[in-house]
Amino acid sequence: MTEFVTLKPGQWVLAFHQPYFYPGSDMAEWLERFTSDGGGWLGHKASETFAVHKVEKVMPKTYVAQAWWRSASKDEVCRYPRGTVIQAFATQAEAIALRDRFHA
């Protein structure tokens, strides 16, 4: 079984948006490839490649979080695969800082 990052409600996570991460990939290898050659998505914004979510509920293979990519008027929640999570943080600022470092 795949090892997932330990998540708790209230934490912030940095994750790949699903189109930018292949299911079943090894996260460490994927991040190395991404940071060394850009993952093939040169010209894409950090917010297009990476998601920063506040976890509301954790399930065995997914987590629930606000859909931050939606307009602010739509407080929509979505389920996301845990396999795309890179790291969990106490604050949103920490997740954004790591996102920006990966994308630099």
PDB file of N, CA and C in Angstrom:
ATOM      1  N   MET A   1       0.838  -1.189   0.000  1.00  0.00           N
ATOM      2  CA  MET A   1       0.000   0.000   0.000  1.00  0.00           C
ATOM      3  C   MET A   1       0.878   1.246   0.000  1.00  0.00           C
ATOM      4  N   THR A   2       0.400   2.289  -0.629  1.00  0.00           N
ATOM      5  CA  THR A   2       1.125   3.547  -0.717  1.00  0.00           C
ATOM      6  C   THR A   2       1.178   4.236   0.639  1.00  0.00           C
ATOM      7  N   GLU A   3       2.344   4.783   0.956  1.00  0.00           N
ATOM      8  CA  GLU A   3       2.498   5.566   2.186  1.00  0.00           C
ATOM      9  C   GLU A   3       1.997   6.981   1.918  1.00  0.00           C
ATOM     10  N   PHE A   4       1.043   7.429   2.708  1.00  0.00           N
ATOM     11  CA  PHE A   4       0.523   8.778   2.572  1.00  0.00           C
ATOM     12  C   PHE A   4       1.105   9.671   3.655  1.00  0.00           C
ATOM     13  N   VAL A   5       1.148  10.961   3.384  1.00  0.00           N
ATOM     14  CA  VAL A   5       1.520  11.945   4.393  1.00  0.00           C
ATOM     15  C   VAL A   5       0.442  11.910   5.477  1.00  0.00           C
ATOM     16  N   THR A   6       0.851  11.936   6.727  1.00  0.00           N
ATOM     17  CA  THR A   6      -0.103  11.957   7.838  1.00  0.00           C
ATOM     18  C   THR A   6      -0.823  13.303   7.842  1.00  0.00           C
ATOM     19  N   LEU A   7      -2.150  13.240   7.826  1.00  0.00           N
ATOM     20  CA  LEU A   7      -2.967  14.458   7.788  1.00  0.00           C
ATOM     21  C   LEU A   7      -3.911  14.492   8.977  1.00  0.00           C
ATOM     22  N   LYS A   8      -4.194  15.726   9.427  1.00  0.00           N
ATOM     23  CA  LYS A   8      -5.176  15.952  10.485  1.00  0.00           C
ATOM     24  C   LYS A   8      -6.041  17.138  10.068  1.00  0.00           C
ATOM     25  N   PRO A   9      -7.325  17.120  10.427  1.00  0.00           N
ATOM     26  CA  PRO A   9      -8.176  18.281  10.136  1.00  0.00           C
ATOM     27  C   PRO A   9      -7.575  19.555  10.711  1.00  0.00           C
ATOM     28  N   GLY A  10      -7.663  20.626   9.950  1.00  0.00           N
ATOM     29  CA  GLY A  10      -7.118  21.919  10.369  1.00  0.00           C
ATOM     30  C   GLY A  10      -5.735  22.206   9.819  1.00  0.00           C
ATOM     31  N   GLN A  11      -5.033  21.175   9.355  1.00  0.00           N
ATOM     32  CA  GLN A  11      -3.714  21.395   8.759  1.00  0.00           C
ATOM     33  C   GLN A  11      -3.867  21.939   7.337  1.00  0.00           C
ATOM     34  N   TRP A  12      -2.806  22.546   6.876  1.00  0.00           N
ATOM     35  CA  TRP A  12      -2.710  22.987   5.498  1.00  0.00           C
ATOM     36  C   TRP A  12      -1.815  22.006   4.754  1.00  0.00           C
ATOM     37  N   VAL A  13      -2.139  21.722   3.506  1.00  0.00           N
ATOM     38  CA  VAL A  13      -1.314  20.813   2.725  1.00  0.00           C
ATOM     39  C   VAL A  13      -0.883  21.467   1.426  1.00  0.00           C
ATOM     40  N   LEU A  14       0.282  21.045   0.977  1.00  0.00           N
ATOM     41  CA  LEU A  14       0.750  21.372  -0.359  1.00  0.00           C
ATOM     42  C   LEU A  14       0.625  20.080  -1.149  1.00  0.00           C
ATOM     43  N   ALA A  15      -0.074  20.142  -2.262  1.00  0.00           N
ATOM     44  CA  ALA A  15      -0.302  18.959  -3.088  1.00  0.00           C
ATOM     45  C   ALA A  15      -0.203  19.344  -4.558  1.00  0.00           C
ATOM     46  N   PHE A  16       0.083  18.363  -5.380  1.00  0.00           N
ATOM     47  CA  PHE A  16       0.003  18.592  -6.817  1.00  0.00           C
ATOM     48  C   PHE A  16      -1.459  18.623  -7.220  1.00  0.00           C
ATOM     49  N   HIS A  17      -1.826  19.538  -8.118  1.00  0.00           N
ATOM     50  CA  HIS A  17      -3.135  19.431  -8.745  1.00  0.00           C
ATOM     51  C   HIS A  17      -3.101  18.138  -9.553  1.00  0.00           C
ATOM     52  N   GLN A  18      -4.191  17.431  -9.622  1.00  0.00           N
ATOM     53  CA  GLN A  18      -4.221  16.112 -10.223  1.00  0.00           C
ATOM     54  C   GLN A  18      -3.631  16.011 -11.631  1.00  0.00           C
ATOM     55  N   PRO A  19      -3.842  16.953 -12.514  1.00  0.00           N
ATOM     56  CA  PRO A  19      -3.250  16.778 -13.847  1.00  0.00           C
ATOM     57  C   PRO A  19      -1.722  16.791 -13.866  1.00  0.00           C
ATOM     58  N   TYR A  20      -1.091  17.239 -12.791  1.00  0.00           N
ATOM     59  CA  TYR A  20       0.362  17.373 -12.754  1.00  0.00           C
ATOM     60  C   TYR A  20       1.060  16.239 -12.015  1.00  0.00           C
ATOM     61  N   PHE A  21       0.313  15.256 -11.577  1.00  0.00           N
ATOM     62  CA  PHE A  21       0.907  14.126 -10.852  1.00  0.00           C
ATOM     63  C   PHE A  21       0.272  12.842 -11.345  1.00  0.00           C
ATOM     64  N   TYR A  22       1.111  11.885 -11.723  1.00  0.00           N
ATOM     65  CA  TYR A  22       0.606  10.614 -12.220  1.00  0.00           C
ATOM     66  C   TYR A  22       0.357   9.659 -11.068  1.00  0.00           C
ATOM     67  N   PRO A  23      -0.867   9.134 -10.943  1.00  0.00           N
ATOM     68  CA  PRO A  23      -1.159   8.183  -9.865  1.00  0.00           C
ATOM     69  C   PRO A  23      -0.179   7.010  -9.903  1.00  0.00           C
ATOM     70  N   GLY A  24       0.246   6.597  -8.736  1.00  0.00           N
ATOM     71  CA  GLY A  24       1.175   5.485  -8.643  1.00  0.00           C
ATOM     72  C   GLY A  24       2.635   5.901  -8.725  1.00  0.00           C
ATOM     73  N   SER A  25       2.898   7.161  -9.001  1.00  0.00           N
ATOM     74  CA  SER A  25       4.276   7.646  -9.063  1.00  0.00           C
ATOM     75  C   SER A  25       4.857   7.738  -7.662  1.00  0.00           C
ATOM     76  N   ASP A  26       6.158   7.593  -7.559  1.00  0.00           N
ATOM     77  CA  ASP A  26       6.851   7.789  -6.287  1.00  0.00           C
ATOM     78  C   ASP A  26       7.024   9.293  -6.084  1.00  0.00           C
ATOM     79  N   MET A  27       6.508   9.817  -4.976  1.00  0.00           N
ATOM     80  CA  MET A  27       6.517  11.268  -4.754  1.00  0.00           C
ATOM     81  C   MET A  27       7.927  11.838  -4.742  1.00  0.00           C
ATOM     82  N   ALA A  28       8.873  11.181  -4.078  1.00  0.00           N
ATOM     83  CA  ALA A  28      10.241  11.706  -4.007  1.00  0.00           C
ATOM     84  C   ALA A  28      10.856  11.803  -5.399  1.00  0.00           C
ATOM     85  N   GLU A  29      10.680  10.762  -6.220  1.00  0.00           N
ATOM     86  CA  GLU A  29      11.210  10.794  -7.590  1.00  0.00           C
ATOM     87  C   GLU A  29      10.515  11.864  -8.423  1.00  0.00           C
ATOM     88  N   TRP A  30       9.202  11.999  -8.235  1.00  0.00           N
ATOM     89  CA  TRP A  30       8.439  12.983  -9.005  1.00  0.00           C
ATOM     90  C   TRP A  30       8.897  14.405  -8.662  1.00  0.00           C
ATOM     91  N   LEU A  31       9.112  14.680  -7.371  1.00  0.00           N
ATOM     92  CA  LEU A  31       9.569  16.007  -6.965  1.00  0.00           C
ATOM     93  C   LEU A  31      10.980  16.288  -7.474  1.00  0.00           C
ATOM     94  N   GLU A  32      11.844  15.283  -7.441  1.00  0.00           N
ATOM     95  CA  GLU A  32      13.198  15.448  -7.971  1.00  0.00           C
ATOM     96  C   GLU A  32      13.147  15.781  -9.453  1.00  0.00           C
ATOM     97  N   ARG A  33      12.332  15.052 -10.187  1.00  0.00           N
ATOM     98  CA  ARG A  33      12.186  15.310 -11.617  1.00  0.00           C
ATOM     99  C   ARG A  33      11.612  16.696 -11.861  1.00  0.00           C
ATOM    100  N   PHE A  34      10.614  17.046 -11.077  1.00  0.00           N
ATOM    101  CA  PHE A  34       9.990  18.350 -11.242  1.00  0.00           C
ATOM    102  C   PHE A  34      10.976  19.479 -10.988  1.00  0.00           C
ATOM    103  N   THR A  35      11.753  19.378  -9.896  1.00  0.00           N
ATOM    104  CA  THR A  35      12.679  20.456  -9.556  1.00  0.00           C
ATOM    105  C   THR A  35      13.890  20.497 -10.483  1.00  0.00           C
ATOM    106  N   SER A  36      14.261  19.363 -11.078  1.00  0.00           N
ATOM    107  CA  SER A  36      15.432  19.359 -11.953  1.00  0.00           C
ATOM    108  C   SER A  36      15.109  19.752 -13.392  1.00  0.00           C
ATOM    109  N   ASP A  37      13.930  19.337 -13.896  1.00  0.00           N
ATOM    110  CA  ASP A  37      13.635  19.673 -15.298  1.00  0.00           C
ATOM    111  C   ASP A  37      12.289  20.362 -15.499  1.00  0.00           C
ATOM    112  N   GLY A  38      11.647  20.766 -14.406  1.00  0.00           N
ATOM    113  CA  GLY A  38      10.401  21.518 -14.520  1.00  0.00           C
ATOM    114  C   GLY A  38       9.181  20.661 -14.744  1.00  0.00           C
ATOM    115  N   GLY A  39       9.338  19.359 -14.827  1.00  0.00           N
ATOM    116  CA  GLY A  39       8.200  18.482 -15.010  1.00  0.00           C
ATOM    117  C   GLY A  39       7.531  18.608 -16.357  1.00  0.00           C
ATOM    118  N   GLY A  40       8.100  19.426 -17.255  1.00  0.00           N
ATOM    119  CA  GLY A  40       7.506  19.588 -18.573  1.00  0.00           C
ATOM    120  C   GLY A  40       6.422  20.648 -18.643  1.00  0.00           C
ATOM    121  N   TRP A  41       6.242  21.418 -17.561  1.00  0.00           N
ATOM    122  CA  TRP A  41       5.174  22.411 -17.551  1.00  0.00           C
ATOM    123  C   TRP A  41       5.725  23.820 -17.414  1.00  0.00           C
ATOM    124  N   LEU A  42       6.746  24.119 -18.162  1.00  0.00           N
ATOM    125  CA  LEU A  42       7.303  25.468 -18.134  1.00  0.00           C
ATOM    126  C   LEU A  42       6.225  26.450 -18.567  1.00  0.00           C
ATOM    127  N   GLY A  43       6.174  27.569 -17.912  1.00  0.00           N
ATOM    128  CA  GLY A  43       5.180  28.580 -18.249  1.00  0.00           C
ATOM    129  C   GLY A  43       3.893  28.446 -17.459  1.00  0.00           C
ATOM    130  N   HIS A  44       3.733  27.377 -16.688  1.00  0.00           N
ATOM    131  CA  HIS A  44       2.550  27.232 -15.851  1.00  0.00           C
ATOM    132  C   HIS A  44       2.794  27.928 -14.520  1.00  0.00           C
ATOM    133  N   LYS A  45       1.766  28.558 -13.982  1.00  0.00           N
ATOM    134  CA  LYS A  45       1.881  29.251 -12.700  1.00  0.00           C
ATOM    135  C   LYS A  45       1.957  28.245 -11.561  1.00  0.00           C
ATOM    136  N   ALA A  46       2.544  28.671 -10.452  1.00  0.00           N
ATOM    137  CA  ALA A  46       2.635  27.814  -9.263  1.00  0.00           C
ATOM    138  C   ALA A  46       1.247  27.370  -8.818  1.00  0.00           C
ATOM    139  N   SER A  47       0.266  28.262  -8.879  1.00  0.00           N
ATOM    140  CA  SER A  47      -1.091  27.934  -8.435  1.00  0.00           C
ATOM    141  C   SER A  47      -1.795  26.971  -9.392  1.00  0.00           C
ATOM    142  N   GLU A  48      -1.311  26.857 -10.620  1.00  0.00           N
ATOM    143  CA  GLU A  48      -1.866  25.878 -11.559  1.00  0.00           C
ATOM    144  C   GLU A  48      -1.300  24.491 -11.290  1.00  0.00           C
ATOM    145  N   THR A  49      -0.055  24.434 -10.890  1.00  0.00           N
ATOM    146  CA  THR A  49       0.638  23.165 -10.677  1.00  0.00           C
ATOM    147  C   THR A  49       0.385  22.603  -9.289  1.00  0.00           C
ATOM    148  N   PHE A  50       0.408  23.474  -8.281  1.00  0.00           N
ATOM    149  CA  PHE A  50       0.289  23.041  -6.890  1.00  0.00           C
ATOM    150  C   PHE A  50      -0.979  23.585  -6.250  1.00  0.00           C
ATOM    151  N   ALA A  51      -1.564  22.791  -5.376  1.00  0.00           N
ATOM    152  CA  ALA A  51      -2.735  23.199  -4.606  1.00  0.00           C
ATOM    153  C   ALA A  51      -2.319  23.408  -3.158  1.00  0.00           C
ATOM    154  N   VAL A  52      -2.879  24.424  -2.534  1.00  0.00           N
ATOM    155  CA  VAL A  52      -2.709  24.654  -1.105  1.00  0.00           C
ATOM    156  C   VAL A  52      -4.114  24.577  -0.513  1.00  0.00           C
ATOM    157  N   HIS A  53      -4.352  23.552   0.311  1.00  0.00           N
ATOM    158  CA  HIS A  53      -5.673  23.301   0.875  1.00  0.00           C
ATOM    159  C   HIS A  53      -5.637  23.269   2.391  1.00  0.00           C
ATOM    160  N   LYS A  54      -6.744  23.640   3.002  1.00  0.00           N
ATOM    161  CA  LYS A  54      -6.935  23.437   4.437  1.00  0.00           C
ATOM    162  C   LYS A  54      -7.795  22.184   4.602  1.00  0.00           C
ATOM    163  N   VAL A  55      -7.243  21.194   5.259  1.00  0.00           N
ATOM    164  CA  VAL A  55      -7.900  19.902   5.411  1.00  0.00           C
ATOM    165  C   VAL A  55      -9.081  20.011   6.371  1.00  0.00           C
ATOM    166  N   GLU A  56     -10.229  19.491   5.948  1.00  0.00           N
ATOM    167  CA  GLU A  56     -11.410  19.474   6.802  1.00  0.00           C
ATOM    168  C   GLU A  56     -11.710  18.082   7.334  1.00  0.00           C
ATOM    169  N   LYS A  57     -11.451  17.072   6.531  1.00  0.00           N
ATOM    170  CA  LYS A  57     -11.735  15.698   6.927  1.00  0.00           C
ATOM    171  C   LYS A  57     -10.735  14.789   6.225  1.00  0.00           C
ATOM    172  N   VAL A  58     -10.281  13.746   6.925  1.00  0.00           N
ATOM    173  CA  VAL A  58      -9.314  12.806   6.353  1.00  0.00           C
ATOM    174  C   VAL A  58      -9.945  11.420   6.280  1.00  0.00           C
ATOM    175  N   MET A  59      -9.846  10.812   5.102  1.00  0.00           N
ATOM    176  CA  MET A  59     -10.324   9.456   4.883  1.00  0.00           C
ATOM    177  C   MET A  59      -9.142   8.606   4.437  1.00  0.00           C
ATOM    178  N   PRO A  60      -9.288   7.279   4.337  1.00  0.00           N
ATOM    179  CA  PRO A  60      -8.142   6.433   4.014  1.00  0.00           C
ATOM    180  C   PRO A  60      -7.375   6.820   2.738  1.00  0.00           C
ATOM    181  N   LYS A  61      -8.072   7.177   1.659  1.00  0.00           N
ATOM    182  CA  LYS A  61      -7.390   7.479   0.399  1.00  0.00           C
ATOM    183  C   LYS A  61      -7.617   8.904  -0.096  1.00  0.00           C
ATOM    184  N   THR A  62      -8.467   9.646   0.583  1.00  0.00           N
ATOM    185  CA  THR A  62      -8.789  11.010   0.156  1.00  0.00           C
ATOM    186  C   THR A  62      -8.858  11.937   1.366  1.00  0.00           C
ATOM    187  N   TYR A  63      -8.943  13.232   1.075  1.00  0.00           N
ATOM    188  CA  TYR A  63      -9.201  14.224   2.117  1.00  0.00           C
ATOM    189  C   TYR A  63     -10.178  15.238   1.568  1.00  0.00           C
ATOM    190  N   VAL A  64     -10.889  15.901   2.445  1.00  0.00           N
ATOM    191  CA  VAL A  64     -11.866  16.916   2.065  1.00  0.00           C
ATOM    192  C   VAL A  64     -11.294  18.274   2.425  1.00  0.00           C
ATOM    193  N   ALA A  65     -11.419  19.211   1.491  1.00  0.00           N
ATOM    194  CA  ALA A  65     -10.931  20.574   1.721  1.00  0.00           C
ATOM    195  C   ALA A  65     -11.773  21.548   0.915  1.00  0.00           C
ATOM    196  N   GLN A  66     -11.698  22.805   1.297  1.00  0.00           N
ATOM    197  CA  GLN A  66     -12.356  23.849   0.505  1.00  0.00           C
ATOM    198  C   GLN A  66     -11.773  23.854  -0.896  1.00  0.00           C
ATOM    199  N   ALA A  67     -12.578  24.109  -1.856  1.00  0.00           N
ATOM    200  CA  ALA A  67     -12.112  24.219  -3.237  1.00  0.00           C
ATOM    201  C   ALA A  67     -11.622  25.648  -3.446  1.00  0.00           C
ATOM    202  N   TRP A  68     -10.379  25.917  -3.065  1.00  0.00           N
ATOM    203  CA  TRP A  68      -9.828  27.269  -3.102  1.00  0.00           C
ATOM    204  C   TRP A  68      -9.711  27.813  -4.515  1.00  0.00           C
ATOM    205  N   TRP A  69      -9.727  26.953  -5.507  1.00  0.00           N
ATOM    206  CA  TRP A  69      -9.617  27.395  -6.894  1.00  0.00           C
ATOM    207  C   TRP A  69     -10.930  27.935  -7.414  1.00  0.00           C
ATOM    208  N   ARG A  70     -12.001  27.767  -6.672  1.00  0.00           N
ATOM    209  CA  ARG A  70     -13.307  28.310  -7.054  1.00  0.00           C
ATOM    210  C   ARG A  70     -13.394  29.775  -6.631  1.00  0.00           C
ATOM    211  N   SER A  71     -14.399  30.456  -7.135  1.00  0.00           N
ATOM    212  CA  SER A  71     -14.573  31.856  -6.735  1.00  0.00           C
ATOM    213  C   SER A  71     -14.922  31.919  -5.251  1.00  0.00           C
ATOM    214  N   ALA A  72     -14.588  33.021  -4.625  1.00  0.00           N
ATOM    215  CA  ALA A  72     -14.795  33.178  -3.189  1.00  0.00           C
ATOM    216  C   ALA A  72     -16.273  33.092  -2.816  1.00  0.00           C
ATOM    217  N   SER A  73     -17.171  33.357  -3.752  1.00  0.00           N
ATOM    218  CA  SER A  73     -18.598  33.314  -3.449  1.00  0.00           C
ATOM    219  C   SER A  73     -19.126  31.886  -3.355  1.00  0.00           C
ATOM    220  N   LYS A  74     -18.356  30.916  -3.822  1.00  0.00           N
ATOM    221  CA  LYS A  74     -18.785  29.514  -3.786  1.00  0.00           C
ATOM    222  C   LYS A  74     -17.930  28.756  -2.780  1.00  0.00           C
ATOM    223  N   ASP A  75     -18.472  28.542  -1.601  1.00  0.00           N
ATOM    224  CA  ASP A  75     -17.747  27.792  -0.577  1.00  0.00           C
ATOM    225  C   ASP A  75     -17.959  26.301  -0.809  1.00  0.00           C
ATOM    226  N   GLU A  76     -17.357  25.812  -1.834  1.00  0.00           N
ATOM    227  CA  GLU A  76     -17.524  24.424  -2.233  1.00  0.00           C
ATOM    228  C   GLU A  76     -16.428  23.560  -1.613  1.00  0.00           C
ATOM    229  N   VAL A  77     -16.794  22.387  -1.136  1.00  0.00           N
ATOM    230  CA  VAL A  77     -15.805  21.447  -0.633  1.00  0.00           C
ATOM    231  C   VAL A  77     -15.653  20.323  -1.642  1.00  0.00           C
ATOM    232  N   CYS A  78     -14.439  19.796  -1.720  1.00  0.00           N
ATOM    233  CA  CYS A  78     -14.138  18.733  -2.672  1.00  0.00           C
ATOM    234  C   CYS A  78     -13.301  17.670  -1.988  1.00  0.00           C
ATOM    235  N   ARG A  79     -13.321  16.472  -2.564  1.00  0.00           N
ATOM    236  CA  ARG A  79     -12.451  15.386  -2.113  1.00  0.00           C
ATOM    237  C   ARG A  79     -11.249  15.335  -3.037  1.00  0.00           C
ATOM    238  N   TYR A  80     -10.083  15.191  -2.430  1.00  0.00           N
ATOM    239  CA  TYR A  80      -8.837  15.144  -3.182  1.00  0.00           C
ATOM    240  C   TYR A  80      -8.083  13.868  -2.808  1.00  0.00           C
ATOM    241  N   PRO A  81      -7.322  13.298  -3.734  1.00  0.00           N
ATOM    242  CA  PRO A  81      -6.560  12.090  -3.415  1.00  0.00           C
ATOM    243  C   PRO A  81      -5.375  12.400  -2.506  1.00  0.00           C
ATOM    244  N   ARG A  82      -5.194  11.588  -1.476  1.00  0.00           N
ATOM    245  CA  ARG A  82      -4.087  11.798  -0.552  1.00  0.00           C
ATOM    246  C   ARG A  82      -2.742  11.543  -1.209  1.00  0.00           C
ATOM    247  N   GLY A  83      -2.716  10.773  -2.272  1.00  0.00           N
ATOM    248  CA  GLY A  83      -1.465  10.460  -2.951  1.00  0.00           C
ATOM    249  C   GLY A  83      -0.794  11.650  -3.607  1.00  0.00           C
ATOM    250  N   THR A  84      -1.510  12.748  -3.780  1.00  0.00           N
ATOM    251  CA  THR A  84      -0.928  13.939  -4.396  1.00  0.00           C
ATOM    252  C   THR A  84      -0.337  14.914  -3.372  1.00  0.00           C
ATOM    253  N   VAL A  85      -0.497  14.619  -2.070  1.00  0.00           N
ATOM    254  CA  VAL A  85      -0.023  15.509  -1.007  1.00  0.00           C
ATOM    255  C   VAL A  85       1.499  15.397  -0.865  1.00  0.00           C
ATOM    256  N   ILE A  86       2.150  16.535  -0.876  1.00  0.00           N
ATOM    257  CA  ILE A  86       3.602  16.607  -0.728  1.00  0.00           C
ATOM    258  C   ILE A  86       3.982  16.716   0.744  1.00  0.00           C
ATOM    259  N   GLN A  87       3.323  17.630   1.467  1.00  0.00           N
ATOM    260  CA  GLN A  87       3.640  17.843   2.882  1.00  0.00           C
ATOM    261  C   GLN A  87       2.479  18.560   3.552  1.00  0.00           C
ATOM    262  N   ALA A  88       2.330  18.354   4.870  1.00  0.00           N
ATOM    263  CA  ALA A  88       1.319  19.042   5.671  1.00  0.00           C
ATOM    264  C   ALA A  88       1.994  20.089   6.545  1.00  0.00           C
ATOM    265  N   PHE A  89       1.264  21.177   6.824  1.00  0.00           N
ATOM    266  CA  PHE A  89       1.804  22.310   7.573  1.00  0.00           C
ATOM    267  C   PHE A  89       0.792  22.828   8.575  1.00  0.00           C
ATOM    268  N   ALA A  90       1.277  23.597   9.532  1.00  0.00           N
ATOM    269  CA  ALA A  90       0.400  24.232  10.514  1.00  0.00           C
ATOM    270  C   ALA A  90      -0.249  25.490   9.942  1.00  0.00           C
ATOM    271  N   THR A  91       0.442  26.158   9.002  1.00  0.00           N
ATOM    272  CA  THR A  91      -0.085  27.417   8.459  1.00  0.00           C
ATOM    273  C   THR A  91      -0.092  27.415   6.936  1.00  0.00           C
ATOM    274  N   GLN A  92      -0.947  28.228   6.390  1.00  0.00           N
ATOM    275  CA  GLN A  92      -1.033  28.401   4.947  1.00  0.00           C
ATOM    276  C   GLN A  92       0.266  29.010   4.405  1.00  0.00           C
ATOM    277  N   ALA A  93       0.844  29.939   5.148  1.00  0.00           N
ATOM    278  CA  ALA A  93       2.066  30.613   4.703  1.00  0.00           C
ATOM    279  C   ALA A  93       3.207  29.623   4.489  1.00  0.00           C
ATOM    280  N   GLU A  94       3.317  28.612   5.362  1.00  0.00           N
ATOM    281  CA  GLU A  94       4.371  27.605   5.203  1.00  0.00           C
ATOM    282  C   GLU A  94       4.167  26.801   3.919  1.00  0.00           C
ATOM    283  N   ALA A  95       2.932  26.435   3.629  1.00  0.00           N
ATOM    284  CA  ALA A  95       2.633  25.674   2.410  1.00  0.00           C
ATOM    285  C   ALA A  95       2.934  26.502   1.170  1.00  0.00           C
ATOM    286  N   ILE A  96       2.575  27.766   1.189  1.00  0.00           N
ATOM    287  CA  ILE A  96       2.826  28.649   0.045  1.00  0.00           C
ATOM    288  C   ILE A  96       4.330  28.866  -0.146  1.00  0.00           C
ATOM    289  N   ALA A  97       5.067  28.991   0.949  1.00  0.00           N
ATOM    290  CA  ALA A  97       6.517  29.181   0.837  1.00  0.00           C
ATOM    291  C   ALA A  97       7.182  27.977   0.164  1.00  0.00           C
ATOM    292  N   LEU A  98       6.780  26.754   0.522  1.00  0.00           N
ATOM    293  CA  LEU A  98       7.356  25.574  -0.116  1.00  0.00           C
ATOM    294  C   LEU A  98       6.918  25.486  -1.570  1.00  0.00           C
ATOM    295  N   ARG A  99       5.660  25.802  -1.848  1.00  0.00           N
ATOM    296  CA  ARG A  99       5.171  25.821  -3.231  1.00  0.00           C
ATOM    297  C   ARG A  99       6.030  26.753  -4.079  1.00  0.00           C
ATOM    298  N   ASP A 100       6.290  27.938  -3.570  1.00  0.00           N
ATOM    299  CA  ASP A 100       7.070  28.913  -4.323  1.00  0.00           C
ATOM    300  C   ASP A 100       8.518  28.466  -4.514  1.00  0.00           C
ATOM    301  N   ARG A 101       9.073  27.764  -3.516  1.00  0.00           N
ATOM    302  CA  ARG A 101      10.439  27.243  -3.666  1.00  0.00           C
ATOM    303  C   ARG A 101      10.497  26.166  -4.745  1.00  0.00           C
ATOM    304  N   PHE A 102       9.523  25.259  -4.758  1.00  0.00           N
ATOM    305  CA  PHE A 102       9.504  24.228  -5.800  1.00  0.00           C
ATOM    306  C   PHE A 102       9.343  24.846  -7.179  1.00  0.00           C
ATOM    307  N   HIS A 103       8.528  25.876  -7.257  1.00  0.00           N
ATOM    308  CA  HIS A 103       8.205  26.453  -8.561  1.00  0.00           C
ATOM    309  C   HIS A 103       9.274  27.415  -9.067  1.00  0.00           C
ATOM    310  N   ALA A 104      10.142  27.881  -8.190  1.00  0.00           N
ATOM    311  CA  ALA A 104      11.169  28.861  -8.584  1.00  0.00           C
ATOM    312  C   ALA A 104      12.143  28.297  -9.623  1.00  0.00           C
TER     313      ALA A 104
END
